[in-house]
Protein backbone atom coordinates (compact mmCIF):
# COMPACT_ATOMS: atom_id res chain seq x y z
CA GLU A 1 -44.38 -19.66 108.82
CA GLN A 2 -47.33 -18.11 106.74
CA LEU A 3 -50.23 -16.75 107.76
CA ASP A 4 -54.02 -18.40 106.42
CA LEU A 5 -55.82 -15.11 105.89
CA PHE A 6 -55.38 -11.38 106.02
CA LEU A 7 -57.72 -9.16 106.15
CA ILE A 8 -58.41 -5.67 104.96
CA HIS A 9 -60.80 -4.55 108.18
CA PHE A 10 -62.00 -1.75 106.40
CA PRO A 11 -62.22 0.34 103.26
CA VAL A 12 -60.64 3.55 104.75
CA SER A 13 -57.04 4.61 106.85
CA PHE A 14 -57.01 6.30 109.83
CA THR A 15 -53.94 8.46 110.56
CA PRO A 16 -51.79 6.89 112.99
CA GLY A 17 -53.54 6.66 116.57
CA THR A 18 -57.75 7.44 115.57
CA VAL A 19 -59.18 4.68 116.94
CA GLU A 20 -62.97 6.79 115.22
CA ALA A 21 -62.21 9.68 112.62
CA THR A 22 -64.04 12.62 113.20
CA SER A 23 -63.09 14.34 110.67
CA ALA A 24 -61.49 14.60 107.22
CA ASP A 25 -57.21 15.05 108.42
CA GLN A 26 -58.17 11.66 110.36
CA VAL A 27 -58.60 9.92 106.95
CA GLU A 28 -55.74 8.65 105.10
CA LYS A 29 -55.59 9.52 101.64
CA VAL A 30 -54.19 5.14 100.58
CA PRO A 31 -55.44 4.09 97.47
CA LEU A 32 -57.55 0.20 98.55
CA SER A 33 -55.34 -0.84 95.09
CA GLU A 34 -51.78 0.09 96.34
CA THR A 35 -53.10 -0.99 99.72
CA TRP A 36 -54.43 -4.85 98.03
CA GLY A 37 -51.19 -4.90 96.05
CA ALA A 38 -49.03 -4.40 99.11
CA MET A 39 -51.46 -7.59 100.52
CA GLU A 40 -50.36 -9.73 97.14
CA ALA A 41 -46.24 -9.08 97.80
CA LEU A 42 -47.26 -11.04 100.91
CA VAL A 43 -49.06 -13.43 99.38
CA GLU A 44 -46.09 -13.25 97.12
CA GLU A 45 -42.93 -13.62 99.56
CA GLY A 46 -45.03 -16.49 100.76
CA LEU A 47 -45.82 -14.94 104.48
CA VAL A 48 -50.22 -15.27 103.57
CA ARG A 49 -51.52 -17.62 102.20
CA ASN A 50 -55.35 -16.37 101.08
CA ILE A 51 -56.26 -12.16 100.81
CA GLY A 52 -58.79 -10.63 101.87
CA VAL A 53 -61.91 -7.75 102.83
CA SER A 54 -64.28 -7.10 105.90
CA ASN A 55 -66.61 -4.26 105.76
CA PHE A 56 -66.67 -4.16 102.41
CA GLU A 57 -69.64 -2.74 100.26
CA ILE A 58 -70.03 -3.78 96.04
CA PRO A 59 -67.90 -1.06 95.00
CA GLU A 60 -65.65 -1.23 97.55
CA LEU A 61 -64.76 -4.32 96.20
CA LYS A 62 -65.38 -3.64 92.47
CA MET A 63 -62.09 -1.09 93.00
CA VAL A 64 -59.65 -4.64 93.86
CA GLN A 65 -60.75 -6.97 91.19
CA GLU A 66 -60.72 -3.70 88.72
CA VAL A 67 -56.37 -3.84 89.46
CA ALA A 68 -56.69 -7.79 91.93
CA THR A 69 -53.94 -10.36 90.95
CA LYS A 70 -54.28 -12.58 93.47
CA PRO A 71 -58.28 -13.40 94.49
CA ILE A 72 -60.50 -11.72 97.49
CA ALA A 73 -60.35 -14.95 99.70
CA CYS A 74 -62.89 -13.23 101.63
CA ASN A 75 -65.11 -10.75 102.39
CA GLN A 76 -66.28 -9.70 106.78
CA PHE A 77 -69.30 -8.29 107.51
CA GLU A 78 -72.12 -8.32 109.25
CA THR A 79 -74.59 -10.42 108.60
CA HIS A 80 -77.73 -12.12 109.91
CA PRO A 81 -81.72 -12.97 109.52
CA TYR A 82 -81.98 -9.64 110.43
CA TYR A 83 -79.96 -7.41 108.66
CA GLN A 84 -79.09 -10.47 105.71
CA ARG A 85 -77.53 -8.99 103.02
CA GLU A 86 -78.89 -10.30 100.42
CA ARG A 87 -77.53 -8.42 97.05
CA LEU A 88 -73.74 -8.27 99.46
CA VAL A 89 -74.10 -12.16 100.30
CA GLU A 90 -75.01 -12.11 95.93
CA TYR A 91 -72.44 -10.85 94.84
CA CYS A 92 -69.72 -12.35 97.05
CA THR A 93 -70.86 -15.90 96.08
CA GLN A 94 -70.98 -15.02 92.54
CA SER A 95 -67.90 -13.55 91.89
CA GLY A 96 -66.26 -16.56 94.08
CA ILE A 97 -65.45 -14.34 97.47
CA VAL A 98 -66.67 -15.98 100.45
CA VAL A 99 -68.60 -14.65 103.41
CA THR A 100 -67.90 -15.12 107.11
């Protein structure tokens, strides 16, 4: 069996048990490059078909793109007629990242 799409939900990781970080000690110091590398390994192992992100802004996307050997399949974030996120949508589109 294989997952079709696996996402990093947020570009920051919290310590175990933390639902909403209210102080710096509740934020893990795990680099995005390390997390992305682990996700790429899942693709290599055949467990996941595509990997992507959620709630990433352009700087975080660029960080991942600098180290990625597999493409970012999608970026899932809030966008609608009253919150259009034009720069982010344009960047994703130009980078081949599907917006969901």
